[in-house]
C-alpha atoms as a PDB file:
ATOM      1  CA  MET A   1     102.038 111.651 117.963  1.00  0.00           C
ATOM      2  CA  PRO A   2     101.729 107.910 117.159  1.00  0.00           C
ATOM      3  CA  GLN A   3     104.520 106.770 114.898  1.00  0.00           C
ATOM      4  CA  THR A   4     106.303 103.785 113.457  1.00  0.00           C
ATOM      5  CA  PHE A   5     109.797 102.691 114.500  1.00  0.00           C
ATOM      6  CA  THR A   6     112.655 105.176 114.171  1.00  0.00           C
ATOM      7  CA  SER A   7     116.060 104.987 112.497  1.00  0.00           C
ATOM      8  CA  SER A   8     117.693 104.278 115.843  1.00  0.00           C
ATOM      9  CA  SER A   9     115.717 101.025 116.122  1.00  0.00           C
ATOM     10  CA  ALA A  10     116.081 100.030 112.448  1.00  0.00           C
ATOM     11  CA  VAL A  11     118.899  98.149 110.747  1.00  0.00           C
ATOM     12  CA  ASP A  12     120.507  98.212 107.312  1.00  0.00           C
ATOM     13  CA  LEU A  13     118.525  95.783 105.155  1.00  0.00           C
ATOM     14  CA  ALA A  14     119.839  96.664 101.699  1.00  0.00           C
ATOM     15  CA  VAL A  15     122.268  98.991  99.950  1.00  0.00           C
ATOM     16  CA  LEU A  16     122.581 100.338  96.434  1.00  0.00           C
ATOM     17  CA  GLU A  17     126.065  99.967  94.981  1.00  0.00           C
ATOM     18  CA  ARG A  18     127.230 102.065  92.020  1.00  0.00           C
ATOM     19  CA  ASN A  19     130.701 101.386  90.576  1.00  0.00           C
ATOM     20  CA  GLY A  20     131.862  99.856  93.833  1.00  0.00           C
ATOM     21  CA  PHE A  21     130.554 102.769  95.954  1.00  0.00           C
ATOM     22  CA  ILE A  22     127.615 102.393  98.342  1.00  0.00           C
ATOM     23  CA  GLU A  23     125.381 105.230  97.215  1.00  0.00           C
ATOM     24  CA  SER A  24     122.207 104.585  99.229  1.00  0.00           C
ATOM     25  CA  ARG A  25     121.059 102.555 102.212  1.00  0.00           C
ATOM     26  CA  HIS A  26     117.648 101.114 103.019  1.00  0.00           C
ATOM     27  CA  LEU A  27     117.043 100.888 106.759  1.00  0.00           C
ATOM     28  CA  GLY A  28     114.123  98.912 108.044  1.00  0.00           C
ATOM     29  CA  SER A  29     112.794  96.145 110.222  1.00  0.00           C
ATOM     30  CA  ALA A  30     111.834  92.580 109.357  1.00  0.00           C
ATOM     31  CA  VAL A  31     110.545  89.434 111.005  1.00  0.00           C
ATOM     32  CA  VAL A  32     110.243  85.785 109.969  1.00  0.00           C
ATOM     33  CA  LEU A  33     107.825  83.570 111.891  1.00  0.00           C
ATOM     34  CA  SER A  34     107.559  79.797 111.989  1.00  0.00           C
ATOM     35  CA  ALA A  35     104.278  78.043 111.266  1.00  0.00           C
ATOM     36  CA  ASP A  36     103.336  78.176 114.949  1.00  0.00           C
ATOM     37  CA  GLY A  37     103.832  81.942 115.050  1.00  0.00           C
ATOM     38  CA  SER A  38     107.099  81.968 116.969  1.00  0.00           C
ATOM     39  CA  VAL A  39     109.860  84.352 115.907  1.00  0.00           C
ATOM     40  CA  VAL A  40     112.615  82.731 113.825  1.00  0.00           C
ATOM     41  CA  THR A  41     114.433  85.877 112.728  1.00  0.00           C
ATOM     42  CA  GLU A  42     114.056  89.497 113.771  1.00  0.00           C
ATOM     43  CA  LEU A  43     115.870  92.571 112.547  1.00  0.00           C
ATOM     44  CA  GLY A  44     115.089  95.969 113.986  1.00  0.00           C
ATOM     45  CA  ASP A  45     111.873  96.796 115.800  1.00  0.00           C
ATOM     46  CA  ILE A  46     109.230  94.203 114.962  1.00  0.00           C
ATOM     47  CA  ASN A  47     106.689  95.337 117.544  1.00  0.00           C
ATOM     48  CA  ALA A  48     106.208  99.005 116.641  1.00  0.00           C
ATOM     49  CA  PRO A  49     103.036  99.782 114.685  1.00  0.00           C
ATOM     50  CA  VAL A  50     103.227 100.123 110.907  1.00  0.00           C
ATOM     51  CA  PHE A  51     100.597 100.866 108.315  1.00  0.00           C
ATOM     52  CA  PRO A  52     100.512  97.664 106.227  1.00  0.00           C
ATOM     53  CA  ARG A  53      98.994  99.464 103.258  1.00  0.00           C
ATOM     54  CA  SER A  54      98.105  97.018 100.451  1.00  0.00           C
ATOM     55  CA  THR A  55      99.474  94.008 102.303  1.00  0.00           C
ATOM     56  CA  LEU A  56      96.104  94.091 104.081  1.00  0.00           C
ATOM     57  CA  LYS A  57      94.282  93.196 100.857  1.00  0.00           C
ATOM     58  CA  PRO A  58      94.287  89.404 101.360  1.00  0.00           C
ATOM     59  CA  PHE A  59      92.537  90.009 104.702  1.00  0.00           C
ATOM     60  CA  GLN A  60      90.065  92.427 103.132  1.00  0.00           C
ATOM     61  CA  ALA A  61      89.335  89.940 100.358  1.00  0.00           C
ATOM     62  CA  LEU A  62      88.716  87.230 102.945  1.00  0.00           C
ATOM     63  CA  ALA A  63      86.356  89.502 104.861  1.00  0.00           C
ATOM     64  CA  THR A  64      84.265  90.159 101.745  1.00  0.00           C
ATOM     65  CA  MET A  65      83.973  86.416 101.161  1.00  0.00           C
ATOM     66  CA  GLN A  66      82.935  85.917 104.778  1.00  0.00           C
ATOM     67  CA  ALA A  67      80.309  88.579 104.108  1.00  0.00           C
ATOM     68  CA  GLY A  68      78.852  86.336 101.411  1.00  0.00           C
ATOM     69  CA  VAL A  69      80.521  87.525  98.216  1.00  0.00           C
ATOM     70  CA  PRO A  70      80.785  84.488  95.884  1.00  0.00           C
ATOM     71  CA  LEU A  71      84.176  85.377  94.416  1.00  0.00           C
ATOM     72  CA  ARG A  72      85.635  82.790  92.055  1.00  0.00           C
ATOM     73  CA  GLY A  73      89.031  82.238  90.470  1.00  0.00           C
ATOM     74  CA  ALA A  74      90.702  85.394  89.223  1.00  0.00           C
ATOM     75  CA  GLN A  75      88.062  87.482  90.985  1.00  0.00           C
ATOM     76  CA  VAL A  76      89.494  86.372  94.339  1.00  0.00           C
ATOM     77  CA  ALA A  77      92.987  87.327  93.239  1.00  0.00           C
ATOM     78  CA  LEU A  78      91.777  90.728  91.989  1.00  0.00           C
ATOM     79  CA  ALA A  79      90.103  91.390  95.342  1.00  0.00           C
ATOM     80  CA  ALA A  80      93.522  90.886  96.960  1.00  0.00           C
ATOM     81  CA  ALA A  81      95.442  92.678  94.218  1.00  0.00           C
ATOM     82  CA  SER A  82      97.459  95.798  93.600  1.00  0.00           C
ATOM     83  CA  HIS A  83      97.150  95.357  89.860  1.00  0.00           C
ATOM     84  CA  VAL A  84      98.738  97.338  87.037  1.00  0.00           C
ATOM     85  CA  GLY A  85      95.473  98.069  85.251  1.00  0.00           C
ATOM     86  CA  SER A  86      95.984  95.863  82.220  1.00  0.00           C
ATOM     87  CA  HIS A  87      93.030  95.101  79.970  1.00  0.00           C
ATOM     88  CA  GLU A  88      92.683  91.656  81.545  1.00  0.00           C
ATOM     89  CA  HIS A  89      92.726  93.174  85.041  1.00  0.00           C
ATOM     90  CA  MET A  90      90.030  95.683  84.167  1.00  0.00           C
ATOM     91  CA  ASP A  91      87.942  93.020  82.422  1.00  0.00           C
ATOM     92  CA  VAL A  92      87.832  90.880  85.568  1.00  0.00           C
ATOM     93  CA  VAL A  93      86.905  93.886  87.703  1.00  0.00           C
ATOM     94  CA  ARG A  94      84.069  94.661  85.289  1.00  0.00           C
ATOM     95  CA  THR A  95      82.694  91.141  85.774  1.00  0.00           C
ATOM     96  CA  MET A  96      82.719  91.746  89.527  1.00  0.00           C
ATOM     97  CA  LEU A  97      80.893  95.052  89.208  1.00  0.00           C
ATOM     98  CA  HIS A  98      78.331  93.469  86.879  1.00  0.00           C
ATOM     99  CA  ALA A  99      77.718  90.623  89.317  1.00  0.00           C
ATOM    100  CA  ALA A 100      77.260  93.182  92.085  1.00  0.00           C
ATOM    101  CA  GLY A 101      74.703  95.068  90.018  1.00  0.00           C
ATOM    102  CA  VAL A 102      76.693  98.298  90.102  1.00  0.00           C
ATOM    103  CA  THR A 103      78.731 100.335  87.635  1.00  0.00           C
ATOM    104  CA  GLU A 104      82.200 101.825  87.535  1.00  0.00           C
ATOM    105  CA  ASP A 105      80.673 105.070  88.794  1.00  0.00           C
ATOM    106  CA  HIS A 106      80.013 103.396  92.140  1.00  0.00           C
ATOM    107  CA  LEU A 107      83.746 102.871  92.723  1.00  0.00           C
ATOM    108  CA  GLN A 108      85.108 105.354  95.264  1.00  0.00           C
ATOM    109  CA  CYS A 109      88.794 104.753  94.593  1.00  0.00           C
ATOM    110  CA  PRO A 110      90.501 107.615  92.711  1.00  0.00           C
ATOM    111  CA  ALA A 111      90.616 107.698  88.922  1.00  0.00           C
ATOM    112  CA  ASP A 112      94.088 106.864  87.624  1.00  0.00           C
ATOM    113  CA  TRP A 113      96.141 105.919  84.592  1.00  0.00           C
ATOM    114  CA  PRO A 114      97.029 102.215  84.364  1.00  0.00           C
ATOM    115  CA  GLN A 115     100.595 101.255  85.117  1.00  0.00           C
ATOM    116  CA  ASP A 116     100.300  98.843  82.198  1.00  0.00           C
ATOM    117  CA  GLU A 117     101.667 100.613  79.125  1.00  0.00           C
ATOM    118  CA  GLU A 118      99.303  99.053  76.568  1.00  0.00           C
ATOM    119  CA  ALA A 119      96.210  99.914  78.599  1.00  0.00           C
ATOM    120  CA  ARG A 120      97.456 103.424  79.301  1.00  0.00           C
ATOM    121  CA  ASN A 121      98.133 104.064  75.630  1.00  0.00           C
ATOM    122  CA  TRP A 122      94.644 102.825  74.790  1.00  0.00           C
ATOM    123  CA  LEU A 123      93.053 105.238  77.270  1.00  0.00           C
ATOM    124  CA  VAL A 124      95.099 108.091  75.831  1.00  0.00           C
ATOM    125  CA  ARG A 125      94.332 107.131  72.232  1.00  0.00           C
ATOM    126  CA  THR A 126      90.601 106.831  72.875  1.00  0.00           C
ATOM    127  CA  GLU A 127      90.606 110.037  74.957  1.00  0.00           C
ATOM    128  CA  LYS A 128      88.922 108.242  77.842  1.00  0.00           C
ATOM    129  CA  GLY A 129      91.419 109.618  80.342  1.00  0.00           C
ATOM    130  CA  ARG A 130      91.978 108.384  83.872  1.00  0.00           C
ATOM    131  CA  GLN A 131      89.593 105.679  85.061  1.00  0.00           C
ATOM    132  CA  ARG A 132      88.605 104.458  88.514  1.00  0.00           C
ATOM    133  CA  ILE A 133      88.684 100.884  87.237  1.00  0.00           C
ATOM    134  CA  ALA A 134      92.360 101.366  86.288  1.00  0.00           C
ATOM    135  CA  PHE A 135      93.321 102.270  89.860  1.00  0.00           C
ATOM    136  CA  ASN A 136      95.391  99.480  91.399  1.00  0.00           C
ATOM    137  CA  CYS A 137      92.823  98.870  94.169  1.00  0.00           C
ATOM    138  CA  SER A 138      89.739  98.667  91.948  1.00  0.00           C
ATOM    139  CA  GLY A 139      89.393  94.906  92.456  1.00  0.00           C
ATOM    140  CA  LYS A 140      89.215  95.343  96.207  1.00  0.00           C
ATOM    141  CA  HIS A 141      86.648  98.125  95.848  1.00  0.00           C
ATOM    142  CA  ALA A 142      84.552  96.012  93.488  1.00  0.00           C
ATOM    143  CA  ALA A 143      84.518  93.243  96.102  1.00  0.00           C
ATOM    144  CA  PHE A 144      83.488  95.790  98.737  1.00  0.00           C
ATOM    145  CA  LEU A 145      80.556  96.906  96.596  1.00  0.00           C
ATOM    146  CA  TRP A 146      79.570  93.304  95.936  1.00  0.00           C
ATOM    147  CA  ALA A 147      79.477  92.656  99.685  1.00  0.00           C
ATOM    148  CA  CYS A 148      77.107  95.593 100.049  1.00  0.00           C
ATOM    149  CA  THR A 149      74.823  94.139  97.379  1.00  0.00           C
ATOM    150  CA  GLU A 150      74.800  90.698  98.996  1.00  0.00           C
ATOM    151  CA  ASN A 151      73.868  92.133 102.400  1.00  0.00           C
ATOM    152  CA  ASN A 152      71.657  95.063 101.386  1.00  0.00           C
ATOM    153  CA  TRP A 153      74.206  97.466 102.872  1.00  0.00           C
ATOM    154  CA  ASP A 154      74.506 101.033 101.694  1.00  0.00           C
ATOM    155  CA  HIS A 155      76.797 101.327  98.660  1.00  0.00           C
ATOM    156  CA  SER A 156      77.488 105.034  99.028  1.00  0.00           C
ATOM    157  CA  THR A 157      79.137 104.762 102.452  1.00  0.00           C
ATOM    158  CA  TYR A 158      81.102 101.536 101.958  1.00  0.00           C
ATOM    159  CA  LEU A 159      84.425 103.203 102.884  1.00  0.00           C
ATOM    160  CA  GLN A 160      83.217 104.717 106.130  1.00  0.00           C
ATOM    161  CA  PRO A 161      84.775 103.121 109.252  1.00  0.00           C
ATOM    162  CA  GLU A 162      81.363 102.565 110.812  1.00  0.00           C
ATOM    163  CA  HIS A 163      80.024 100.714 107.755  1.00  0.00           C
ATOM    164  CA  PRO A 164      79.155  97.067 108.575  1.00  0.00           C
ATOM    165  CA  LEU A 165      81.676  95.780 106.028  1.00  0.00           C
ATOM    166  CA  GLN A 166      84.525  97.857 107.442  1.00  0.00           C
ATOM    167  CA  GLN A 167      83.603  96.742 110.949  1.00  0.00           C
ATOM    168  CA  GLN A 168      83.796  93.134 109.770  1.00  0.00           C
ATOM    169  CA  ILE A 169      87.188  93.767 108.155  1.00  0.00           C
ATOM    170  CA  ALA A 170      88.491  95.315 111.369  1.00  0.00           C
ATOM    171  CA  SER A 171      87.400  92.299 113.400  1.00  0.00           C
ATOM    172  CA  LEU A 172      89.053  89.919 110.936  1.00  0.00           C
ATOM    173  CA  ILE A 173      92.352  91.832 111.009  1.00  0.00           C
ATOM    174  CA  GLU A 174      92.367  91.656 114.793  1.00  0.00           C
ATOM    175  CA  GLU A 175      91.549  87.946 114.689  1.00  0.00           C
ATOM    176  CA  TYR A 176      94.306  87.038 112.239  1.00  0.00           C
ATOM    177  CA  THR A 177      97.029  89.340 113.604  1.00  0.00           C
ATOM    178  CA  GLU A 178      96.005  88.642 117.211  1.00  0.00           C
ATOM    179  CA  GLU A 179      96.414  92.330 117.965  1.00  0.00           C
ATOM    180  CA  LYS A 180      94.069  95.096 119.036  1.00  0.00           C
ATOM    181  CA  ILE A 181      93.999  97.897 116.470  1.00  0.00           C
ATOM    182  CA  ASN A 182      94.824 101.184 118.193  1.00  0.00           C
ATOM    183  CA  HIS A 183      95.492 103.461 115.234  1.00  0.00           C
ATOM    184  CA  TRP A 184      93.451 104.066 112.092  1.00  0.00           C
ATOM    185  CA  ALA A 185      94.083 106.187 109.011  1.00  0.00           C
ATOM    186  CA  VAL A 186      92.845 106.509 105.423  1.00  0.00           C
ATOM    187  CA  ASP A 187      94.705 104.497 102.787  1.00  0.00           C
ATOM    188  CA  GLY A 188      95.602 105.902  99.371  1.00  0.00           C
ATOM    189  CA  CYS A 189      92.501 104.335  97.838  1.00  0.00           C
ATOM    190  CA  GLY A 190      90.244 105.823 100.519  1.00  0.00           C
ATOM    191  CA  SER A 191      89.598 102.704 102.596  1.00  0.00           C
ATOM    192  CA  PRO A 192      90.186 102.524 106.363  1.00  0.00           C
ATOM    193  CA  LEU A 193      93.768 101.576 107.196  1.00  0.00           C
ATOM    194  CA  ALA A 194      94.713  99.760 110.407  1.00  0.00           C
ATOM    195  CA  ALA A 195      98.126  99.957 112.068  1.00  0.00           C
ATOM    196  CA  VAL A 196      99.565  96.663 113.306  1.00  0.00           C
ATOM    197  CA  SER A 197     103.039  95.409 114.150  1.00  0.00           C
ATOM    198  CA  LEU A 198     105.226  93.563 111.679  1.00  0.00           C
ATOM    199  CA  THR A 199     104.916  90.538 113.952  1.00  0.00           C
ATOM    200  CA  GLY A 200     101.130  90.664 113.821  1.00  0.00           C
ATOM    201  CA  LEU A 201     101.159  91.209 110.077  1.00  0.00           C
ATOM    202  CA  ALA A 202     103.422  88.188 109.529  1.00  0.00           C
ATOM    203  CA  ARG A 203     101.263  86.119 111.865  1.00  0.00           C
ATOM    204  CA  GLY A 204      98.165  86.963 109.873  1.00  0.00           C
ATOM    205  CA  ILE A 205      99.588  86.267 106.426  1.00  0.00           C
ATOM    206  CA  GLY A 206     101.050  83.000 107.718  1.00  0.00           C
ATOM    207  CA  LYS A 207      97.568  81.818 108.666  1.00  0.00           C
ATOM    208  CA  ILE A 208      96.234  82.586 105.198  1.00  0.00           C
ATOM    209  CA  ALA A 209      99.238  81.067 103.418  1.00  0.00           C
ATOM    210  CA  LYS A 210      98.975  77.730 105.209  1.00  0.00           C
ATOM    211  CA  ALA A 211      95.159  77.554 105.093  1.00  0.00           C
ATOM    212  CA  PRO A 212      94.967  75.260 102.024  1.00  0.00           C
ATOM    213  CA  GLY A 213      96.776  72.524 103.945  1.00  0.00           C
ATOM    214  CA  ASP A 214      95.178  73.172 107.329  1.00  0.00           C
ATOM    215  CA  LYS A 215      91.957  71.217 107.877  1.00  0.00           C
ATOM    216  CA  ASN A 216      91.047  73.561 110.741  1.00  0.00           C
ATOM    217  CA  ALA A 217      91.413  76.747 108.686  1.00  0.00           C
ATOM    218  CA  ASP A 218      88.573  78.783 107.202  1.00  0.00           C
ATOM    219  CA  ALA A 219      87.915  77.362 103.733  1.00  0.00           C
ATOM    220  CA  ARG A 220      87.595  80.886 102.390  1.00  0.00           C
ATOM    221  CA  ALA A 221      91.083  81.713 103.641  1.00  0.00           C
ATOM    222  CA  ALA A 222      92.285  78.673 101.724  1.00  0.00           C
ATOM    223  CA  THR A 223      90.495  80.007  98.655  1.00  0.00           C
ATOM    224  CA  VAL A 224      92.260  83.375  98.955  1.00  0.00           C
ATOM    225  CA  ALA A 225      95.691  81.714  99.190  1.00  0.00           C
ATOM    226  CA  THR A 226      94.981  79.269  96.377  1.00  0.00           C
ATOM    227  CA  ALA A 227      93.602  81.924  94.036  1.00  0.00           C
ATOM    228  CA  MET A 228      96.584  84.232  94.568  1.00  0.00           C
ATOM    229  CA  LEU A 229      98.909  81.383  93.575  1.00  0.00           C
ATOM    230  CA  ASP A 230      96.699  80.104  90.744  1.00  0.00           C
ATOM    231  CA  TYR A 231      96.310  83.580  89.217  1.00  0.00           C
ATOM    232  CA  PRO A 232      99.560  85.385  90.100  1.00  0.00           C
ATOM    233  CA  TRP A 233      99.192  87.728  87.105  1.00  0.00           C
ATOM    234  CA  ALA A 234      96.004  89.073  88.669  1.00  0.00           C
ATOM    235  CA  VAL A 235      97.615  89.990  91.988  1.00  0.00           C
ATOM    236  CA  HIS A 236     100.195  92.309  90.416  1.00  0.00           C
ATOM    237  CA  GLY A 237     100.910  91.927  86.694  1.00  0.00           C
ATOM    238  CA  ARG A 238     102.675  89.679  84.225  1.00  0.00           C
ATOM    239  CA  GLY A 239     106.425  89.977  84.787  1.00  0.00           C
ATOM    240  CA  ARG A 240     105.970  92.091  87.958  1.00  0.00           C
ATOM    241  CA  GLU A 241     107.842  91.046  91.064  1.00  0.00           C
ATOM    242  CA  ASN A 242     104.988  89.760  93.237  1.00  0.00           C
ATOM    243  CA  SER A 243     103.551  87.774  90.348  1.00  0.00           C
ATOM    244  CA  VAL A 244     106.929  86.290  89.399  1.00  0.00           C
ATOM    245  CA  VAL A 245     107.641  85.251  92.985  1.00  0.00           C
ATOM    246  CA  MET A 246     104.269  83.511  93.299  1.00  0.00           C
ATOM    247  CA  GLU A 247     104.498  81.860  89.898  1.00  0.00           C
ATOM    248  CA  ASP A 248     108.078  80.598  90.255  1.00  0.00           C
ATOM    249  CA  LEU A 249     108.272  79.836  93.982  1.00  0.00           C
ATOM    250  CA  GLY A 250     104.692  79.067  94.971  1.00  0.00           C
ATOM    251  CA  ILE A 251     104.692  81.420  97.941  1.00  0.00           C
ATOM    252  CA  ILE A 252     102.365  84.329  98.610  1.00  0.00           C
ATOM    253  CA  SER A 253     104.047  87.675  98.018  1.00  0.00           C
ATOM    254  CA  LYS A 254     102.341  91.041  98.410  1.00  0.00           C
ATOM    255  CA  ASN A 255     103.907  94.490  98.461  1.00  0.00           C
ATOM    256  CA  GLY A 256     102.336  97.507 100.075  1.00  0.00           C
ATOM    257  CA  ALA A 257     103.106 101.175  99.618  1.00  0.00           C
ATOM    258  CA  GLU A 258     105.760 102.812 101.787  1.00  0.00           C
ATOM    259  CA  GLY A 259     108.133  99.864 101.673  1.00  0.00           C
ATOM    260  CA  VAL A 260     106.008  97.085 103.171  1.00  0.00           C
ATOM    261  CA  LEU A 261     106.122  93.431 102.077  1.00  0.00           C
ATOM    262  CA  VAL A 262     104.555  90.207 103.314  1.00  0.00           C
ATOM    263  CA  MET A 263     105.355  86.674 102.202  1.00  0.00           C
ATOM    264  CA  GLY A 264     103.959  83.332 103.274  1.00  0.00           C
ATOM    265  CA  THR A 265     104.784  79.733 102.425  1.00  0.00           C
ATOM    266  CA  SER A 266     102.376  76.806 102.232  1.00  0.00           C
ATOM    267  CA  THR A 267     103.862  75.455 105.458  1.00  0.00           C
ATOM    268  CA  GLY A 268     102.988  78.680 107.271  1.00  0.00           C
ATOM    269  CA  VAL A 269     106.453  80.232 107.510  1.00  0.00           C
ATOM    270  CA  SER A 270     105.841  83.940 107.032  1.00  0.00           C
ATOM    271  CA  LEU A 271     107.616  87.250 106.729  1.00  0.00           C
ATOM    272  CA  ALA A 272     106.805  90.923 107.095  1.00  0.00           C
ATOM    273  CA  LEU A 273     109.152  93.840 106.577  1.00  0.00           C
ATOM    274  CA  LYS A 274     109.109  97.589 106.196  1.00  0.00           C
ATOM    275  CA  MET A 275     111.730  99.832 104.643  1.00  0.00           C
ATOM    276  CA  LEU A 276     111.833 102.947 106.781  1.00  0.00           C
ATOM    277  CA  ASP A 277     112.333 105.240 103.782  1.00  0.00           C
ATOM    278  CA  GLY A 278     109.166 103.890 102.139  1.00  0.00           C
ATOM    279  CA  ASN A 279     110.950 102.577  99.042  1.00  0.00           C
ATOM    280  CA  ILE A 280     109.906  99.127  97.772  1.00  0.00           C
ATOM    281  CA  ARG A 281     112.761  98.521  95.315  1.00  0.00           C
ATOM    282  CA  ALA A 282     114.695  96.203  97.666  1.00  0.00           C
ATOM    283  CA  THR A 283     111.794  94.554  99.495  1.00  0.00           C
ATOM    284  CA  THR A 284     111.658  91.394  97.372  1.00  0.00           C
ATOM    285  CA  LEU A 285     115.447  91.001  97.500  1.00  0.00           C
ATOM    286  CA  VAL A 286     115.470  91.214 101.285  1.00  0.00           C
ATOM    287  CA  GLY A 287     112.306  89.199 101.842  1.00  0.00           C
ATOM    288  CA  LEU A 288     113.343  86.233  99.731  1.00  0.00           C
ATOM    289  CA  THR A 289     116.842  86.267 101.190  1.00  0.00           C
ATOM    290  CA  LEU A 290     115.480  86.155 104.722  1.00  0.00           C
ATOM    291  CA  LEU A 291     113.183  83.229 103.893  1.00  0.00           C
ATOM    292  CA  ALA A 292     116.078  81.405 102.233  1.00  0.00           C
ATOM    293  CA  ALA A 293     118.272  82.040 105.275  1.00  0.00           C
ATOM    294  CA  THR A 294     115.729  80.202 107.443  1.00  0.00           C
ATOM    295  CA  GLY A 295     115.588  77.265 105.017  1.00  0.00           C
ATOM    296  CA  ALA A 296     111.961  77.989 104.115  1.00  0.00           C
ATOM    297  CA  ILE A 297     112.806  78.187 100.406  1.00  0.00           C
ATOM    298  CA  ASP A 298     115.739  76.979  98.338  1.00  0.00           C
ATOM    299  CA  ILE A 299     118.494  79.575  97.895  1.00  0.00           C
ATOM    300  CA  GLU A 300     119.207  78.550  94.286  1.00  0.00           C
ATOM    301  CA  ARG A 301     115.567  79.008  93.286  1.00  0.00           C
ATOM    302  CA  VAL A 302     115.582  82.366  95.036  1.00  0.00           C
ATOM    303  CA  ALA A 303     118.651  83.447  93.100  1.00  0.00           C
ATOM    304  CA  ALA A 304     116.944  82.605  89.812  1.00  0.00           C
ATOM    305  CA  VAL A 305     113.895  84.683  90.721  1.00  0.00           C
ATOM    306  CA  LEU A 306     115.977  87.636  91.889  1.00  0.00           C
ATOM    307  CA  GLU A 307     117.690  87.682  88.509  1.00  0.00           C
ATOM    308  CA  LYS A 308     114.261  88.341  86.991  1.00  0.00           C
ATOM    309  CA  VAL A 309     112.898  90.936  89.390  1.00  0.00           C
ATOM    310  CA  VAL A 310     115.826  92.975  90.744  1.00  0.00           C
ATOM    311  CA  GLN A 311     116.891  95.563  88.212  1.00  0.00           C
ATOM    312  CA  PRO A 312     120.568  96.483  87.792  1.00  0.00           C
ATOM    313  CA  VAL A 313     121.855  99.962  88.581  1.00  0.00           C
ATOM    314  CA  MET A 314     122.415 101.709  85.272  1.00  0.00           C
ATOM    315  CA  GLY A 315     124.976 104.253  84.127  1.00  0.00           C
ATOM    316  CA  GLY A 316     125.061 105.497  80.577  1.00  0.00           C
ATOM    317  CA  GLY A 317     122.673 102.768  79.534  1.00  0.00           C
ATOM    318  CA  VAL A 318     124.783  99.878  80.870  1.00  0.00           C
ATOM    319  CA  PRO A 319     124.806  98.099  84.261  1.00  0.00           C
ATOM    320  CA  VAL A 320     127.301  99.665  86.678  1.00  0.00           C
ATOM    321  CA  GLY A 321     126.039  98.371  90.011  1.00  0.00           C
ATOM    322  CA  ARG A 322     123.303  96.560  91.868  1.00  0.00           C
ATOM    323  CA  LEU A 323     121.049  96.410  94.856  1.00  0.00           C
ATOM    324  CA  ARG A 324     122.401  93.987  97.419  1.00  0.00           C
ATOM    325  CA  ILE A 325     121.550  92.848 100.888  1.00  0.00           C
ATOM    326  CA  ALA A 326     123.236  94.682 103.743  1.00  0.00           C
ATOM    327  CA  GLY A 327     125.444  93.251 106.472  1.00  0.00           C
ATOM    328  CA  PRO A 328     122.771  92.275 109.026  1.00  0.00           C
ATOM    329  CA  VAL A 329     120.932  90.226 106.376  1.00  0.00           C
ATOM    330  CA  MET A 330     124.144  88.791 104.912  1.00  0.00           C
ATOM    331  CA  ALA A 331     125.168  87.572 108.363  1.00  0.00           C
ATOM    332  CA  LEU A 332     122.109  85.327 108.485  1.00  0.00           C
ATOM    333  CA  LEU A 333     123.377  83.388 105.447  1.00  0.00           C
ATOM    334  CA  ASP A 334     126.635  82.378 107.137  1.00  0.00           C
END
């Protein structure tokens, strides 16, 4: 059976410390690439296939724009987002659906409660219940439907692998990762999900991240990168880790389910990592530390951001420990 890397080829990336005792360990693999795509840092197996999950969204957003969708501003960011379903998130998605000439009923992502507390309470209070537009991938799905409208493609089959849009997305992923896709699955939102290596994933996000300053890059790739940084709240949510990283550090940051993270700087230095246990709680800590260790971002600025986004370990309502980087990552700071 095809599979990702195993524990024997992974390394300790982070540990959870409680009252001076290491309670849990996060094993995984990670890679940092330079702007030219060469490996700067590697930990664990960086060539085994992984499912990138929502870290593929910037590529999917780019593919919809290449298919003629005239996304603008926050709409671009929502197409690349795993949002928390706030009122402002859902409002932007509604503008996308309206422009596409479709309704919320056309969305084929599952109905869900928003992660945003205010929006969730509103849906409960008004007895509207779970909504497809509140699902964290609804912006991406709205962009998919808009692409169908622009090209007179069938709306009802937009998630099928053989659909013209999904074929275009597959070609773009292969182009940007420079890898042939050998394994496909269905993502949590229902869209086709390609397996690529961490190296390929980092290579692809590096190309998008540096596009605004690269005169030879696709202008739409530059738009995706610029919009994610101009509207960081749209990509995740106000105060959420990806949004804080982008707002405070000016680098692209995008988590995916099952412990995946990509980051990319404006110079093209990029990172991809996967926690083998699928937990995302230490991904930002490890990712930013690895970029700082290479000199891609300033360590003091990283420390300030980590204070905002890494939650303390609690005991009896007070902090008693913390997440911290593990030995193999710490060694890179020496």
